[in-house]
Amino acid sequence: MAIIKRPTETTDDLLASSAQNMRDFISIVRGYIDTPDGTKKIKFATNQMSRGLNNLINLSKYNVGKLKLNINGCTFNDIYSLIQDEIQSLAKTAGQIILLDTPKKLPDIAADVSYMSEVLYNLIDNAIKFSNPGAIIQVKIWSNTDHINVTVVDHGIGMSERTIGWAFSGPDEPQKSSTGIGLHISRIITKMHGGDISISSELNKGSKFTISIPTHKRAADQSMSASKPHIINNGHGWVKRHLTKEGNDND
């Protein structure tokens, strides 16, 4: 079961920093109003602002124990399709390319598609943000025995060992990296799904983030063996289908 952490004093610092980022976005939008391609740039800036606000809202819900998952059986494509157009637009604006490497067949997963799409968006957006024009962002999906893994690789500015230690710190420690709260809330959401996010990075060479999410079968087994109050749909939906499938397989 995910442990709900309560806000700490440093949450105020995090909120102040996030508010500053929102104000910066507003300033950017104002500056674009009278430019020739202002509409396109304003749309880009407001989309980024909206994503940042989503991260703040999700973190606020988590801090008071109100972040709930609506779990259903789904595929990786169900998740990626929600962000594909926006991600491709971001990459095109930055002069970059997204390379998606996914096998033809993957096990289904049990996930809140909306929340997991935000996690994937945050990681790819992070890769775009810290890579140079012309860069290639690699998104590779593969499976092992009981997990689906998604790796996002960039060849951008990378992070020092010290910064890696702060990458997921969020409000419980002073936020000293430039990654904001996106990585922090992404890891929280992933852990609430029974998975995790890992990171490897080298300064000036790039970073690799890997999301690991339990397969549909694994998640159903976990749900049946433990109480998960942060999940609001885990009984009569995908778990029931899992039980039915298992029963048929054993006949």
C-alpha atoms as a PDB file:
ATOM      1  CA  MET A   1       0.000   0.000   0.000  1.00  0.00           C
ATOM      2  CA  ALA A   2       1.293   3.449  -0.851  1.00  0.00           C
ATOM      3  CA  ILE A   3       2.151   5.554   2.183  1.00  0.00           C
ATOM      4  CA  ILE A   4       0.493   8.944   2.098  1.00  0.00           C
ATOM      5  CA  LYS A   5       2.961  11.619   3.149  1.00  0.00           C
ATOM      6  CA  ARG A   6       1.695  14.797   4.711  1.00  0.00           C
ATOM      7  CA  PRO A   7       2.906  18.222   3.638  1.00  0.00           C
ATOM      8  CA  THR A   8       6.099  19.540   5.198  1.00  0.00           C
ATOM      9  CA  GLU A   9       7.379  23.060   5.640  1.00  0.00           C
ATOM     10  CA  THR A  10       9.377  22.774   2.423  1.00  0.00           C
ATOM     11  CA  THR A  11       6.112  22.336   0.505  1.00  0.00           C
ATOM     12  CA  ASP A  12       5.781  26.128   0.717  1.00  0.00           C
ATOM     13  CA  ASP A  13       9.125  26.482  -1.074  1.00  0.00           C
ATOM     14  CA  LEU A  14       7.984  24.050  -3.751  1.00  0.00           C
ATOM     15  CA  LEU A  15       4.708  25.880  -4.279  1.00  0.00           C
ATOM     16  CA  ALA A  16       6.509  29.227  -4.418  1.00  0.00           C
ATOM     17  CA  SER A  17       8.870  27.874  -7.070  1.00  0.00           C
ATOM     18  CA  SER A  18       5.977  26.397  -9.063  1.00  0.00           C
ATOM     19  CA  ALA A  19       4.020  29.646  -8.828  1.00  0.00           C
ATOM     20  CA  GLN A  20       7.063  31.467 -10.192  1.00  0.00           C
ATOM     21  CA  ASN A  21       7.151  29.047 -13.138  1.00  0.00           C
ATOM     22  CA  MET A  22       3.474  29.714 -13.823  1.00  0.00           C
ATOM     23  CA  ARG A  23       4.096  33.462 -13.738  1.00  0.00           C
ATOM     24  CA  ASP A  24       6.993  33.029 -16.161  1.00  0.00           C
ATOM     25  CA  PHE A  25       4.687  31.165 -18.559  1.00  0.00           C
ATOM     26  CA  ILE A  26       2.152  34.000 -18.369  1.00  0.00           C
ATOM     27  CA  SER A  27       4.896  36.493 -19.196  1.00  0.00           C
ATOM     28  CA  ILE A  28       5.896  34.372 -22.192  1.00  0.00           C
ATOM     29  CA  VAL A  29       2.300  34.265 -23.431  1.00  0.00           C
ATOM     30  CA  ARG A  30       1.990  38.038 -23.159  1.00  0.00           C
ATOM     31  CA  GLY A  31       5.188  38.439 -25.149  1.00  0.00           C
ATOM     32  CA  TYR A  32       3.827  36.240 -27.960  1.00  0.00           C
ATOM     33  CA  ILE A  33       0.538  38.097 -28.423  1.00  0.00           C
ATOM     34  CA  ASP A  34       1.766  40.511 -31.096  1.00  0.00           C
ATOM     35  CA  THR A  35       4.273  38.221 -32.856  1.00  0.00           C
ATOM     36  CA  PRO A  36       3.593  36.769 -36.356  1.00  0.00           C
ATOM     37  CA  ASP A  37       3.369  33.160 -35.124  1.00  0.00           C
ATOM     38  CA  GLY A  38       2.003  34.154 -31.735  1.00  0.00           C
ATOM     39  CA  THR A  39      -1.008  31.814 -31.791  1.00  0.00           C
ATOM     40  CA  LYS A  40       1.157  28.731 -32.229  1.00  0.00           C
ATOM     41  CA  LYS A  41       3.568  29.791 -29.511  1.00  0.00           C
ATOM     42  CA  ILE A  42       0.753  30.729 -27.123  1.00  0.00           C
ATOM     43  CA  LYS A  43      -0.827  27.292 -27.594  1.00  0.00           C
ATOM     44  CA  PHE A  44       2.510  25.662 -26.816  1.00  0.00           C
ATOM     45  CA  ALA A  45       3.050  27.774 -23.690  1.00  0.00           C
ATOM     46  CA  THR A  46      -0.474  27.260 -22.368  1.00  0.00           C
ATOM     47  CA  ASN A  47      -0.224  23.494 -22.872  1.00  0.00           C
ATOM     48  CA  GLN A  48       2.963  23.496 -20.821  1.00  0.00           C
ATOM     49  CA  MET A  49       1.284  25.602 -18.152  1.00  0.00           C
ATOM     50  CA  SER A  50      -1.665  23.216 -18.013  1.00  0.00           C
ATOM     51  CA  ARG A  51       0.639  20.230 -17.539  1.00  0.00           C
ATOM     52  CA  GLY A  52       2.483  22.032 -14.751  1.00  0.00           C
ATOM     53  CA  LEU A  53      -0.785  22.812 -13.002  1.00  0.00           C
ATOM     54  CA  ASN A  54      -1.840  19.156 -13.308  1.00  0.00           C
ATOM     55  CA  ASN A  55       1.332  18.135 -11.497  1.00  0.00           C
ATOM     56  CA  LEU A  56       0.621  20.633  -8.719  1.00  0.00           C
ATOM     57  CA  ILE A  57      -2.981  19.469  -8.368  1.00  0.00           C
ATOM     58  CA  ASN A  58      -1.971  15.809  -8.273  1.00  0.00           C
ATOM     59  CA  LEU A  59       0.682  16.477  -5.641  1.00  0.00           C
ATOM     60  CA  SER A  60      -1.821  18.428  -3.559  1.00  0.00           C
ATOM     61  CA  LYS A  61      -4.321  15.537  -3.768  1.00  0.00           C
ATOM     62  CA  TYR A  62      -1.632  13.064  -2.772  1.00  0.00           C
ATOM     63  CA  ASN A  63      -0.543  15.115   0.220  1.00  0.00           C
ATOM     64  CA  VAL A  64      -4.059  15.015   1.684  1.00  0.00           C
ATOM     65  CA  GLY A  65      -4.724  11.390   0.765  1.00  0.00           C
ATOM     66  CA  LYS A  66      -7.183  12.142  -2.040  1.00  0.00           C
ATOM     67  CA  LEU A  67      -5.238  10.935  -5.067  1.00  0.00           C
ATOM     68  CA  LYS A  68      -7.226   7.879  -6.180  1.00  0.00           C
ATOM     69  CA  LEU A  69      -6.571   5.510  -9.067  1.00  0.00           C
ATOM     70  CA  ASN A  70      -9.286   4.214 -11.369  1.00  0.00           C
ATOM     71  CA  ILE A  71      -7.619   0.967 -12.429  1.00  0.00           C
ATOM     72  CA  ASN A  72      -8.633  -0.868 -15.585  1.00  0.00           C
ATOM     73  CA  GLY A  73      -7.046  -3.364 -17.913  1.00  0.00           C
ATOM     74  CA  CYS A  74      -5.312  -1.524 -20.766  1.00  0.00           C
ATOM     75  CA  THR A  75      -2.393  -1.571 -23.180  1.00  0.00           C
ATOM     76  CA  PHE A  76       0.636   0.668 -23.537  1.00  0.00           C
ATOM     77  CA  ASN A  77      -0.930   2.107 -26.703  1.00  0.00           C
ATOM     78  CA  ASP A  78      -3.988   3.184 -24.697  1.00  0.00           C
ATOM     79  CA  ILE A  79      -1.675   5.283 -22.526  1.00  0.00           C
ATOM     80  CA  TYR A  80       0.590   6.649 -25.260  1.00  0.00           C
ATOM     81  CA  SER A  81      -2.275   7.577 -27.579  1.00  0.00           C
ATOM     82  CA  LEU A  82      -3.486  10.180 -25.049  1.00  0.00           C
ATOM     83  CA  ILE A  83      -0.244  12.156 -25.331  1.00  0.00           C
ATOM     84  CA  GLN A  84       1.109  11.192 -28.743  1.00  0.00           C
ATOM     85  CA  ASP A  85       0.002  14.268 -30.685  1.00  0.00           C
ATOM     86  CA  GLU A  86       1.116  16.695 -27.981  1.00  0.00           C
ATOM     87  CA  ILE A  87       4.474  14.985 -27.517  1.00  0.00           C
ATOM     88  CA  GLN A  88       5.156  14.927 -31.256  1.00  0.00           C
ATOM     89  CA  SER A  89       4.231  18.616 -31.430  1.00  0.00           C
ATOM     90  CA  LEU A  90       6.637  19.420 -28.583  1.00  0.00           C
ATOM     91  CA  ALA A  91       9.447  17.529 -30.276  1.00  0.00           C
ATOM     92  CA  LYS A  92       8.786  19.200 -33.623  1.00  0.00           C
ATOM     93  CA  THR A  93       8.799  22.642 -32.011  1.00  0.00           C
ATOM     94  CA  ALA A  94      12.140  21.809 -30.367  1.00  0.00           C
ATOM     95  CA  GLY A  95      13.553  20.443 -33.635  1.00  0.00           C
ATOM     96  CA  GLN A  96      13.791  16.940 -32.201  1.00  0.00           C
ATOM     97  CA  ILE A  97      12.617  13.449 -33.127  1.00  0.00           C
ATOM     98  CA  ILE A  98      10.785  10.882 -30.989  1.00  0.00           C
ATOM     99  CA  LEU A  99      11.680   7.291 -31.867  1.00  0.00           C
ATOM    100  CA  LEU A 100       9.179   4.779 -30.485  1.00  0.00           C
ATOM    101  CA  ASP A 101      10.399   1.190 -30.262  1.00  0.00           C
ATOM    102  CA  THR A 102       7.623  -1.184 -29.219  1.00  0.00           C
ATOM    103  CA  PRO A 103       7.155  -4.895 -29.921  1.00  0.00           C
ATOM    104  CA  LYS A 104       4.079  -6.109 -31.779  1.00  0.00           C
ATOM    105  CA  LYS A 105       2.841  -8.051 -28.760  1.00  0.00           C
ATOM    106  CA  LEU A 106       2.904  -6.887 -25.156  1.00  0.00           C
ATOM    107  CA  PRO A 107       1.015  -8.113 -22.098  1.00  0.00           C
ATOM    108  CA  ASP A 108      -1.851  -5.924 -20.939  1.00  0.00           C
ATOM    109  CA  ILE A 109      -1.317  -3.834 -17.838  1.00  0.00           C
ATOM    110  CA  ALA A 110      -3.677  -2.676 -15.099  1.00  0.00           C
ATOM    111  CA  ALA A 111      -3.476   1.092 -14.807  1.00  0.00           C
ATOM    112  CA  ASP A 112      -5.245   4.388 -14.503  1.00  0.00           C
ATOM    113  CA  VAL A 113      -4.740   5.419 -18.129  1.00  0.00           C
ATOM    114  CA  SER A 114      -5.106   9.143 -17.433  1.00  0.00           C
ATOM    115  CA  TYR A 115      -2.566   9.271 -14.604  1.00  0.00           C
ATOM    116  CA  MET A 116      -0.057   6.987 -16.315  1.00  0.00           C
ATOM    117  CA  SER A 117      -0.256   9.075 -19.483  1.00  0.00           C
ATOM    118  CA  GLU A 118       0.772  12.077 -17.359  1.00  0.00           C
ATOM    119  CA  VAL A 119       3.721  10.100 -16.003  1.00  0.00           C
ATOM    120  CA  LEU A 120       4.872   9.188 -19.502  1.00  0.00           C
ATOM    121  CA  TYR A 121       4.340  12.763 -20.680  1.00  0.00           C
ATOM    122  CA  ASN A 122       6.448  14.135 -17.825  1.00  0.00           C
ATOM    123  CA  LEU A 123       9.394  11.865 -18.648  1.00  0.00           C
ATOM    124  CA  ILE A 124       9.354  12.517 -22.399  1.00  0.00           C
ATOM    125  CA  ASP A 125       8.805  16.240 -21.877  1.00  0.00           C
ATOM    126  CA  ASN A 126      11.766  16.247 -19.503  1.00  0.00           C
ATOM    127  CA  ALA A 127      13.928  14.568 -22.154  1.00  0.00           C
ATOM    128  CA  ILE A 128      12.863  17.127 -24.769  1.00  0.00           C
ATOM    129  CA  LYS A 129      13.422  20.025 -22.415  1.00  0.00           C
ATOM    130  CA  PHE A 130      17.020  19.094 -21.618  1.00  0.00           C
ATOM    131  CA  SER A 131      18.113  18.042 -25.118  1.00  0.00           C
ATOM    132  CA  ASN A 132      19.464  20.147 -27.945  1.00  0.00           C
ATOM    133  CA  PRO A 133      17.776  20.860 -31.296  1.00  0.00           C
ATOM    134  CA  GLY A 134      18.248  17.932 -33.652  1.00  0.00           C
ATOM    135  CA  ALA A 135      18.339  15.423 -30.811  1.00  0.00           C
ATOM    136  CA  ILE A 136      16.683  12.011 -30.944  1.00  0.00           C
ATOM    137  CA  ILE A 137      14.579  10.943 -27.948  1.00  0.00           C
ATOM    138  CA  GLN A 138      14.256   7.172 -27.725  1.00  0.00           C
ATOM    139  CA  VAL A 139      11.202   5.555 -26.117  1.00  0.00           C
ATOM    140  CA  LYS A 140      11.600   1.783 -25.844  1.00  0.00           C
ATOM    141  CA  ILE A 141       9.011  -0.630 -24.440  1.00  0.00           C
ATOM    142  CA  TRP A 142       9.634  -4.226 -23.451  1.00  0.00           C
ATOM    143  CA  SER A 143       8.307  -6.801 -21.019  1.00  0.00           C
ATOM    144  CA  ASN A 144       9.742  -9.335 -18.635  1.00  0.00           C
ATOM    145  CA  THR A 145       7.989 -11.963 -16.529  1.00  0.00           C
ATOM    146  CA  ASP A 146       5.537  -9.719 -14.706  1.00  0.00           C
ATOM    147  CA  HIS A 147       6.269  -6.100 -15.679  1.00  0.00           C
ATOM    148  CA  ILE A 148       6.022  -3.773 -18.660  1.00  0.00           C
ATOM    149  CA  ASN A 149       9.032  -1.465 -18.869  1.00  0.00           C
ATOM    150  CA  VAL A 150       9.234   1.868 -20.672  1.00  0.00           C
ATOM    151  CA  THR A 151      12.631   3.504 -21.092  1.00  0.00           C
ATOM    152  CA  VAL A 152      13.027   7.142 -22.150  1.00  0.00           C
ATOM    153  CA  VAL A 153      16.560   7.930 -23.311  1.00  0.00           C
ATOM    154  CA  ASP A 154      17.977  11.315 -24.255  1.00  0.00           C
ATOM    155  CA  HIS A 155      21.473  12.506 -25.106  1.00  0.00           C
ATOM    156  CA  GLY A 156      21.090  15.946 -23.573  1.00  0.00           C
ATOM    157  CA  ILE A 157      22.809  17.740 -20.722  1.00  0.00           C
ATOM    158  CA  GLY A 158      22.502  14.846 -18.289  1.00  0.00           C
ATOM    159  CA  MET A 159      22.791  15.074 -14.514  1.00  0.00           C
ATOM    160  CA  SER A 160      25.570  14.827 -11.985  1.00  0.00           C
ATOM    161  CA  GLU A 161      25.414  12.152  -9.267  1.00  0.00           C
ATOM    162  CA  ARG A 162      24.429  14.859  -6.815  1.00  0.00           C
ATOM    163  CA  THR A 163      21.543  16.032  -8.970  1.00  0.00           C
ATOM    164  CA  ILE A 164      20.347  12.453  -9.490  1.00  0.00           C
ATOM    165  CA  GLY A 165      19.981  12.221  -5.722  1.00  0.00           C
ATOM    166  CA  TRP A 166      17.645  15.233  -5.780  1.00  0.00           C
ATOM    167  CA  ALA A 167      15.690  14.259  -8.897  1.00  0.00           C
ATOM    168  CA  PHE A 168      12.772  12.638  -7.062  1.00  0.00           C
ATOM    169  CA  SER A 169      13.076  14.666  -3.858  1.00  0.00           C
ATOM    170  CA  GLY A 170       9.891  16.711  -4.202  1.00  0.00           C
ATOM    171  CA  PRO A 171       8.668  18.626  -1.161  1.00  0.00           C
ATOM    172  CA  ASP A 172      10.370  16.482   1.495  1.00  0.00           C
ATOM    173  CA  GLU A 173      13.773  17.981   0.705  1.00  0.00           C
ATOM    174  CA  PRO A 174      14.853  21.365  -0.692  1.00  0.00           C
ATOM    175  CA  GLN A 175      14.240  21.193  -4.422  1.00  0.00           C
ATOM    176  CA  LYS A 176      17.683  21.867  -5.866  1.00  0.00           C
ATOM    177  CA  SER A 177      17.381  20.328  -9.298  1.00  0.00           C
ATOM    178  CA  SER A 178      15.758  21.990 -12.282  1.00  0.00           C
ATOM    179  CA  THR A 179      13.418  19.083 -12.977  1.00  0.00           C
ATOM    180  CA  GLY A 180      10.578  20.607 -10.917  1.00  0.00           C
ATOM    181  CA  ILE A 181       7.857  18.451  -9.407  1.00  0.00           C
ATOM    182  CA  GLY A 182       7.145  16.399 -12.527  1.00  0.00           C
ATOM    183  CA  LEU A 183       9.542  13.587 -11.640  1.00  0.00           C
ATOM    184  CA  HIS A 184       8.426  13.572  -8.014  1.00  0.00           C
ATOM    185  CA  ILE A 185       4.710  13.177  -8.715  1.00  0.00           C
ATOM    186  CA  SER A 186       5.452  10.748 -11.569  1.00  0.00           C
ATOM    187  CA  ARG A 187       7.263   8.401  -9.221  1.00  0.00           C
ATOM    188  CA  ILE A 188       4.484   8.685  -6.638  1.00  0.00           C
ATOM    189  CA  ILE A 189       1.848   7.723  -9.214  1.00  0.00           C
ATOM    190  CA  THR A 190       3.966   4.866 -10.556  1.00  0.00           C
ATOM    191  CA  LYS A 191       4.528   3.460  -7.070  1.00  0.00           C
ATOM    192  CA  MET A 192       0.800   3.662  -6.394  1.00  0.00           C
ATOM    193  CA  HIS A 193       0.419   1.346  -9.397  1.00  0.00           C
ATOM    194  CA  GLY A 194       2.828  -1.125  -7.770  1.00  0.00           C
ATOM    195  CA  GLY A 195       5.716  -0.055 -10.019  1.00  0.00           C
ATOM    196  CA  ASP A 196       8.647   2.330  -9.858  1.00  0.00           C
ATOM    197  CA  ILE A 197      10.839   4.711 -11.876  1.00  0.00           C
ATOM    198  CA  SER A 198      14.618   4.383 -11.999  1.00  0.00           C
ATOM    199  CA  ILE A 199      17.198   6.770 -13.415  1.00  0.00           C
ATOM    200  CA  SER A 200      20.729   6.610 -14.763  1.00  0.00           C
ATOM    201  CA  SER A 201      22.487   9.692 -16.071  1.00  0.00           C
ATOM    202  CA  GLU A 202      25.873  11.140 -16.855  1.00  0.00           C
ATOM    203  CA  LEU A 203      26.611  14.838 -16.973  1.00  0.00           C
ATOM    204  CA  ASN A 204      26.836  16.204 -20.524  1.00  0.00           C
ATOM    205  CA  LYS A 205      25.977  12.790 -21.999  1.00  0.00           C
ATOM    206  CA  GLY A 206      22.293  12.273 -21.298  1.00  0.00           C
ATOM    207  CA  SER A 207      19.795  10.472 -19.097  1.00  0.00           C
ATOM    208  CA  LYS A 208      17.752   7.275 -19.078  1.00  0.00           C
ATOM    209  CA  PHE A 209      14.501   6.929 -17.133  1.00  0.00           C
ATOM    210  CA  THR A 210      12.783   3.555 -16.857  1.00  0.00           C
ATOM    211  CA  ILE A 211       9.162   3.094 -15.788  1.00  0.00           C
ATOM    212  CA  SER A 212       8.294  -0.400 -14.566  1.00  0.00           C
ATOM    213  CA  ILE A 213       4.581  -1.280 -14.268  1.00  0.00           C
ATOM    214  CA  PRO A 214       3.099  -4.652 -13.243  1.00  0.00           C
ATOM    215  CA  THR A 215       1.343  -6.603 -15.952  1.00  0.00           C
ATOM    216  CA  HIS A 216      -2.426  -7.088 -15.802  1.00  0.00           C
ATOM    217  CA  LYS A 217      -2.000 -10.553 -14.222  1.00  0.00           C
ATOM    218  CA  ARG A 218       0.585  -9.437 -11.681  1.00  0.00           C
ATOM    219  CA  ALA A 219      -1.449  -6.383 -10.633  1.00  0.00           C
ATOM    220  CA  ALA A 220      -4.612  -8.455 -10.243  1.00  0.00           C
ATOM    221  CA  ASP A 221      -2.784 -10.969  -8.056  1.00  0.00           C
ATOM    222  CA  GLN A 222      -1.455  -8.124  -5.884  1.00  0.00           C
ATOM    223  CA  SER A 223      -4.878  -6.512  -5.639  1.00  0.00           C
ATOM    224  CA  MET A 224      -6.519  -9.705  -4.461  1.00  0.00           C
ATOM    225  CA  SER A 225      -3.898 -10.216  -1.745  1.00  0.00           C
ATOM    226  CA  ALA A 226      -3.782  -6.698  -0.271  1.00  0.00           C
ATOM    227  CA  SER A 227      -6.062  -3.810   0.611  1.00  0.00           C
ATOM    228  CA  LYS A 228      -5.356  -0.729  -1.505  1.00  0.00           C
ATOM    229  CA  PRO A 229      -7.455   2.258  -0.386  1.00  0.00           C
ATOM    230  CA  HIS A 230      -5.902   4.489  -3.067  1.00  0.00           C
ATOM    231  CA  ILE A 231      -7.536   2.339  -5.778  1.00  0.00           C
ATOM    232  CA  ILE A 232     -11.226   3.023  -6.405  1.00  0.00           C
ATOM    233  CA  ASN A 233     -11.805   0.365  -9.099  1.00  0.00           C
ATOM    234  CA  ASN A 234     -10.217  -2.962  -8.297  1.00  0.00           C
ATOM    235  CA  GLY A 235     -13.049  -5.370  -7.611  1.00  0.00           C
ATOM    236  CA  HIS A 236     -15.727  -5.913 -10.236  1.00  0.00           C
ATOM    237  CA  GLY A 237     -13.778  -4.715 -13.277  1.00  0.00           C
ATOM    238  CA  TRP A 238     -10.378  -5.914 -14.422  1.00  0.00           C
ATOM    239  CA  VAL A 239      -9.809  -8.209 -11.408  1.00  0.00           C
ATOM    240  CA  LYS A 240     -13.036 -10.089 -12.186  1.00  0.00           C
ATOM    241  CA  ARG A 241     -11.942 -10.510 -15.801  1.00  0.00           C
ATOM    242  CA  HIS A 242      -8.572 -11.763 -14.570  1.00  0.00           C
ATOM    243  CA  LEU A 243     -10.248 -14.339 -12.311  1.00  0.00           C
ATOM    244  CA  THR A 244     -12.490 -15.492 -15.159  1.00  0.00           C
ATOM    245  CA  LYS A 245      -9.527 -15.866 -17.504  1.00  0.00           C
ATOM    246  CA  GLU A 246      -7.523 -17.779 -14.889  1.00  0.00           C
ATOM    247  CA  GLY A 247     -10.469 -20.086 -14.288  1.00  0.00           C
ATOM    248  CA  ASN A 248     -10.851 -20.793 -17.997  1.00  0.00           C
ATOM    249  CA  ASP A 249      -7.141 -21.456 -18.341  1.00  0.00           C
ATOM    250  CA  ASN A 250      -7.318 -24.041 -15.575  1.00  0.00           C
ATOM    251  CA  ASP A 251     -10.239 -25.940 -17.114  1.00  0.00           C
END
